[in-house]
Amino acid sequence: MNYVAELRRLVGTRPLILPGTSVLILDRAGRVLLVERTDIPGWGLPGGLMEPGESFETTGRREVREELGLELDEVSLLDVFSGPEYYFRYDHGDEVFNVTAAFTAVARGELRIHEDEIRSAVYFPVDELPEHVIDPEMPILRHYLEKRRREAAAGTPGPR
């Protein structure tokens, strides 16, 4: 049984503060990989919840490997996101306030979707996202897009 499942046995569906990661995996064209999860309707970033003893970066690497079969090479912290806009209520009633460390990364390997967790994975231009991106992911994606725009305006584009 995983850590969150153990907590849920004790507290039921009450709101939990849960640390985790989201990873903006970028291709050479600067598009971001979004996944369609099996447990949440809509598109989101690869990532997940931290297990005891993990760092945020280790969590992101593990989740991407488990969900997509990819290894992350370059990893850079984008920012840490928390607050009321990171509240999420699952269809089955569990409530969470996410504390999310978001990373940008370049991945290698062949995409192998873990079908128990992911329906599909598609690269999208950051300024042309699909409809139905899950709510807690939108502030992260907007932050990344704004950062890219500021860097381009300053003439100092950082890593995509």
C-alpha atoms as a PDB file:
ATOM      1  CA  MET A   1       0.000   0.000   0.000  1.00  0.00           C
ATOM      2  CA  ASN A   2       1.359   3.439  -0.847  1.00  0.00           C
ATOM      3  CA  TYR A   3       1.743   6.364   1.517  1.00  0.00           C
ATOM      4  CA  VAL A   4      -1.340   8.322   0.407  1.00  0.00           C
ATOM      5  CA  ALA A   5      -3.535   5.214   0.577  1.00  0.00           C
ATOM      6  CA  GLU A   6      -2.351   4.677   4.163  1.00  0.00           C
ATOM      7  CA  LEU A   7      -3.210   8.295   5.021  1.00  0.00           C
ATOM      8  CA  ARG A   8      -6.614   7.967   3.380  1.00  0.00           C
ATOM      9  CA  ARG A   9      -7.415   4.932   5.542  1.00  0.00           C
ATOM     10  CA  LEU A  10      -6.908   7.185   8.566  1.00  0.00           C
ATOM     11  CA  VAL A  11      -8.551  10.455   7.447  1.00  0.00           C
ATOM     12  CA  GLY A  12     -11.008   9.449   4.745  1.00  0.00           C
ATOM     13  CA  THR A  13     -11.633  12.047   2.043  1.00  0.00           C
ATOM     14  CA  ARG A  14     -10.733  15.116   4.176  1.00  0.00           C
ATOM     15  CA  PRO A  15      -8.372  17.602   2.522  1.00  0.00           C
ATOM     16  CA  LEU A  16      -4.705  16.632   2.687  1.00  0.00           C
ATOM     17  CA  ILE A  17      -1.683  18.802   1.907  1.00  0.00           C
ATOM     18  CA  LEU A  18       0.355  16.656  -0.477  1.00  0.00           C
ATOM     19  CA  PRO A  19       3.774  17.402  -1.987  1.00  0.00           C
ATOM     20  CA  GLY A  20       4.468  16.285  -5.513  1.00  0.00           C
ATOM     21  CA  THR A  21       5.864  17.209  -8.876  1.00  0.00           C
ATOM     22  CA  SER A  22       4.777  18.181 -12.348  1.00  0.00           C
ATOM     23  CA  VAL A  23       7.278  17.881 -15.173  1.00  0.00           C
ATOM     24  CA  LEU A  24       7.176  19.997 -18.307  1.00  0.00           C
ATOM     25  CA  ILE A  25       8.906  17.659 -20.756  1.00  0.00           C
ATOM     26  CA  LEU A  26       9.921  19.689 -23.776  1.00  0.00           C
ATOM     27  CA  ASP A  27      10.799  18.501 -27.249  1.00  0.00           C
ATOM     28  CA  ARG A  28      13.279  20.223 -29.584  1.00  0.00           C
ATOM     29  CA  ALA A  29      10.513  22.479 -30.934  1.00  0.00           C
ATOM     30  CA  GLY A  30       9.679  23.699 -27.417  1.00  0.00           C
ATOM     31  CA  ARG A  31       6.374  21.840 -27.262  1.00  0.00           C
ATOM     32  CA  VAL A  32       5.265  20.431 -23.910  1.00  0.00           C
ATOM     33  CA  LEU A  33       4.187  16.828 -23.336  1.00  0.00           C
ATOM     34  CA  LEU A  34       0.714  16.547 -21.827  1.00  0.00           C
ATOM     35  CA  VAL A  35      -0.868  13.334 -20.645  1.00  0.00           C
ATOM     36  CA  GLU A  36      -4.478  12.262 -20.511  1.00  0.00           C
ATOM     37  CA  ARG A  37      -4.798  10.425 -17.202  1.00  0.00           C
ATOM     38  CA  THR A  38      -7.143   7.538 -16.472  1.00  0.00           C
ATOM     39  CA  ASP A  39      -8.133   8.819 -12.992  1.00  0.00           C
ATOM     40  CA  ILE A  40      -8.851  12.469 -13.845  1.00  0.00           C
ATOM     41  CA  PRO A  41     -10.738  13.756 -16.891  1.00  0.00           C
ATOM     42  CA  GLY A  42      -8.632  16.153 -18.911  1.00  0.00           C
ATOM     43  CA  TRP A  43      -5.017  16.830 -19.819  1.00  0.00           C
ATOM     44  CA  GLY A  44      -2.173  17.327 -17.366  1.00  0.00           C
ATOM     45  CA  LEU A  45       1.545  17.228 -16.896  1.00  0.00           C
ATOM     46  CA  PRO A  46       3.388  14.026 -16.053  1.00  0.00           C
ATOM     47  CA  GLY A  47       4.184  13.779 -12.377  1.00  0.00           C
ATOM     48  CA  GLY A  48       2.740  12.674  -9.117  1.00  0.00           C
ATOM     49  CA  LEU A  49       2.955  12.562  -5.375  1.00  0.00           C
ATOM     50  CA  MET A  50       6.091  12.279  -3.298  1.00  0.00           C
ATOM     51  CA  GLU A  51       6.793   9.094  -1.349  1.00  0.00           C
ATOM     52  CA  PRO A  52       8.498   9.323   2.070  1.00  0.00           C
ATOM     53  CA  GLY A  53      12.229   9.954   1.734  1.00  0.00           C
ATOM     54  CA  GLU A  54      12.113  11.258  -1.836  1.00  0.00           C
ATOM     55  CA  SER A  55      13.241  14.660  -3.038  1.00  0.00           C
ATOM     56  CA  PHE A  56      11.042  16.607  -5.441  1.00  0.00           C
ATOM     57  CA  GLU A  57      13.446  15.870  -8.305  1.00  0.00           C
ATOM     58  CA  THR A  58      13.567  12.147  -7.507  1.00  0.00           C
ATOM     59  CA  THR A  59       9.759  12.093  -7.431  1.00  0.00           C
ATOM     60  CA  GLY A  60       9.551  13.710 -10.870  1.00  0.00           C
ATOM     61  CA  ARG A  61      12.098  11.330 -12.361  1.00  0.00           C
ATOM     62  CA  ARG A  62      10.342   8.279 -10.856  1.00  0.00           C
ATOM     63  CA  GLU A  63       6.875   9.359 -11.973  1.00  0.00           C
ATOM     64  CA  VAL A  64       7.983  10.077 -15.564  1.00  0.00           C
ATOM     65  CA  ARG A  65       9.761   6.708 -15.719  1.00  0.00           C
ATOM     66  CA  GLU A  66       6.722   4.855 -14.319  1.00  0.00           C
ATOM     67  CA  GLU A  67       4.068   6.673 -16.374  1.00  0.00           C
ATOM     68  CA  LEU A  68       5.890   7.135 -19.680  1.00  0.00           C
ATOM     69  CA  GLY A  69       9.007   4.939 -19.694  1.00  0.00           C
ATOM     70  CA  LEU A  70      11.204   8.001 -20.253  1.00  0.00           C
ATOM     71  CA  GLU A  71      14.406   9.024 -18.485  1.00  0.00           C
ATOM     72  CA  LEU A  72      15.004  12.692 -17.736  1.00  0.00           C
ATOM     73  CA  ASP A  73      18.341  14.221 -18.685  1.00  0.00           C
ATOM     74  CA  GLU A  74      18.380  17.955 -18.075  1.00  0.00           C
ATOM     75  CA  VAL A  75      16.109  18.940 -15.188  1.00  0.00           C
ATOM     76  CA  SER A  76      15.566  22.506 -14.018  1.00  0.00           C
ATOM     77  CA  LEU A  77      13.284  23.760 -11.254  1.00  0.00           C
ATOM     78  CA  LEU A  78      10.667  26.081 -12.731  1.00  0.00           C
ATOM     79  CA  ASP A  79       9.052  27.048  -9.426  1.00  0.00           C
ATOM     80  CA  VAL A  80       7.096  25.723  -6.460  1.00  0.00           C
ATOM     81  CA  PHE A  81       3.329  26.178  -6.569  1.00  0.00           C
ATOM     82  CA  SER A  82       0.873  26.122  -3.668  1.00  0.00           C
ATOM     83  CA  GLY A  83      -2.216  27.890  -2.438  1.00  0.00           C
ATOM     84  CA  PRO A  84      -5.967  27.719  -2.912  1.00  0.00           C
ATOM     85  CA  GLU A  85      -5.757  27.409  -6.715  1.00  0.00           C
ATOM     86  CA  TYR A  86      -3.979  24.058  -6.241  1.00  0.00           C
ATOM     87  CA  TYR A  87      -6.968  22.537  -4.462  1.00  0.00           C
ATOM     88  CA  PHE A  88      -8.399  19.513  -6.243  1.00  0.00           C
ATOM     89  CA  ARG A  89     -11.342  17.243  -5.551  1.00  0.00           C
ATOM     90  CA  TYR A  90     -11.266  13.868  -7.259  1.00  0.00           C
ATOM     91  CA  ASP A  91     -14.496  12.405  -8.629  1.00  0.00           C
ATOM     92  CA  HIS A  92     -14.396   9.769  -5.858  1.00  0.00           C
ATOM     93  CA  GLY A  93     -14.387  12.505  -3.180  1.00  0.00           C
ATOM     94  CA  ASP A  94     -10.753  12.714  -2.014  1.00  0.00           C
ATOM     95  CA  GLU A  95      -9.668  16.337  -1.519  1.00  0.00           C
ATOM     96  CA  VAL A  96      -6.104  17.638  -1.763  1.00  0.00           C
ATOM     97  CA  PHE A  97      -4.166  20.871  -1.602  1.00  0.00           C
ATOM     98  CA  ASN A  98      -1.159  20.240  -3.832  1.00  0.00           C
ATOM     99  CA  VAL A  99       2.288  21.645  -3.129  1.00  0.00           C
ATOM    100  CA  THR A 100       3.913  21.128  -6.503  1.00  0.00           C
ATOM    101  CA  ALA A 101       7.523  21.522  -7.522  1.00  0.00           C
ATOM    102  CA  ALA A 102       7.403  21.993 -11.292  1.00  0.00           C
ATOM    103  CA  PHE A 103      10.425  21.150 -13.385  1.00  0.00           C
ATOM    104  CA  THR A 104      11.314  21.644 -17.019  1.00  0.00           C
ATOM    105  CA  ALA A 105      13.120  18.695 -18.514  1.00  0.00           C
ATOM    106  CA  VAL A 106      14.452  17.042 -21.613  1.00  0.00           C
ATOM    107  CA  ALA A 107      13.669  13.341 -21.842  1.00  0.00           C
ATOM    108  CA  ARG A 108      15.245  10.441 -23.649  1.00  0.00           C
ATOM    109  CA  GLY A 109      14.049   6.986 -24.494  1.00  0.00           C
ATOM    110  CA  GLU A 110      11.034   5.552 -26.196  1.00  0.00           C
ATOM    111  CA  LEU A 111       7.637   6.685 -24.972  1.00  0.00           C
ATOM    112  CA  ARG A 112       5.932   3.679 -23.344  1.00  0.00           C
ATOM    113  CA  ILE A 113       2.638   4.674 -21.751  1.00  0.00           C
ATOM    114  CA  HIS A 114       1.646   2.915 -18.523  1.00  0.00           C
ATOM    115  CA  GLU A 115      -1.956   2.281 -19.522  1.00  0.00           C
ATOM    116  CA  ASP A 116      -3.222   1.858 -15.951  1.00  0.00           C
ATOM    117  CA  GLU A 117      -2.436   5.558 -15.367  1.00  0.00           C
ATOM    118  CA  ILE A 118      -2.205   7.236 -18.792  1.00  0.00           C
ATOM    119  CA  ARG A 119      -4.568   7.072 -21.787  1.00  0.00           C
ATOM    120  CA  SER A 120      -2.433   9.092 -24.170  1.00  0.00           C
ATOM    121  CA  ALA A 121       0.504  11.498 -24.330  1.00  0.00           C
ATOM    122  CA  VAL A 122       0.814  14.299 -26.893  1.00  0.00           C
ATOM    123  CA  TYR A 123       3.226  17.213 -27.414  1.00  0.00           C
ATOM    124  CA  PHE A 124       1.434  20.568 -27.671  1.00  0.00           C
ATOM    125  CA  PRO A 125       2.733  24.080 -28.388  1.00  0.00           C
ATOM    126  CA  VAL A 126       2.625  25.859 -25.010  1.00  0.00           C
ATOM    127  CA  ASP A 127       0.566  28.685 -26.469  1.00  0.00           C
ATOM    128  CA  GLU A 128      -1.888  26.256 -28.145  1.00  0.00           C
ATOM    129  CA  LEU A 129      -2.969  23.953 -25.328  1.00  0.00           C
ATOM    130  CA  PRO A 130      -5.942  21.615 -25.687  1.00  0.00           C
ATOM    131  CA  GLU A 131      -9.270  22.231 -24.016  1.00  0.00           C
ATOM    132  CA  HIS A 132      -9.797  20.580 -20.662  1.00  0.00           C
ATOM    133  CA  VAL A 133      -6.396  20.988 -19.027  1.00  0.00           C
ATOM    134  CA  ILE A 134      -6.972  20.102 -15.363  1.00  0.00           C
ATOM    135  CA  ASP A 135      -7.250  23.162 -13.129  1.00  0.00           C
ATOM    136  CA  PRO A 136      -4.128  22.754 -10.921  1.00  0.00           C
ATOM    137  CA  GLU A 137      -1.909  22.462 -14.031  1.00  0.00           C
ATOM    138  CA  MET A 138      -3.017  25.700 -15.714  1.00  0.00           C
ATOM    139  CA  PRO A 139      -1.151  28.116 -13.377  1.00  0.00           C
ATOM    140  CA  ILE A 140       2.030  26.101 -13.920  1.00  0.00           C
ATOM    141  CA  LEU A 141       1.673  26.173 -17.695  1.00  0.00           C
ATOM    142  CA  ARG A 142       0.811  29.907 -17.675  1.00  0.00           C
ATOM    143  CA  HIS A 143       3.864  30.606 -15.469  1.00  0.00           C
ATOM    144  CA  TYR A 144       6.112  28.727 -17.890  1.00  0.00           C
ATOM    145  CA  LEU A 145       4.669  30.542 -20.909  1.00  0.00           C
ATOM    146  CA  GLU A 146       5.085  33.945 -19.228  1.00  0.00           C
ATOM    147  CA  LYS A 147       8.684  33.091 -18.295  1.00  0.00           C
ATOM    148  CA  ARG A 148       9.436  32.196 -21.927  1.00  0.00           C
ATOM    149  CA  ARG A 149       7.854  35.442 -23.133  1.00  0.00           C
ATOM    150  CA  ARG A 150       9.895  37.526 -20.654  1.00  0.00           C
ATOM    151  CA  GLU A 151      13.116  35.775 -21.677  1.00  0.00           C
ATOM    152  CA  ALA A 152      12.368  36.281 -25.372  1.00  0.00           C
ATOM    153  CA  ALA A 153      11.547  39.963 -24.826  1.00  0.00           C
ATOM    154  CA  ALA A 154      14.815  40.408 -22.928  1.00  0.00           C
ATOM    155  CA  GLY A 155      16.713  38.623 -25.696  1.00  0.00           C
ATOM    156  CA  THR A 156      17.957  35.993 -23.286  1.00  0.00           C
ATOM    157  CA  PRO A 157      15.965  32.838 -23.947  1.00  0.00           C
ATOM    158  CA  GLY A 158      16.771  30.241 -21.337  1.00  0.00           C
ATOM    159  CA  PRO A 159      16.364  26.501 -21.685  1.00  0.00           C
ATOM    160  CA  ARG A 160      13.126  25.589 -23.352  1.00  0.00           C
END
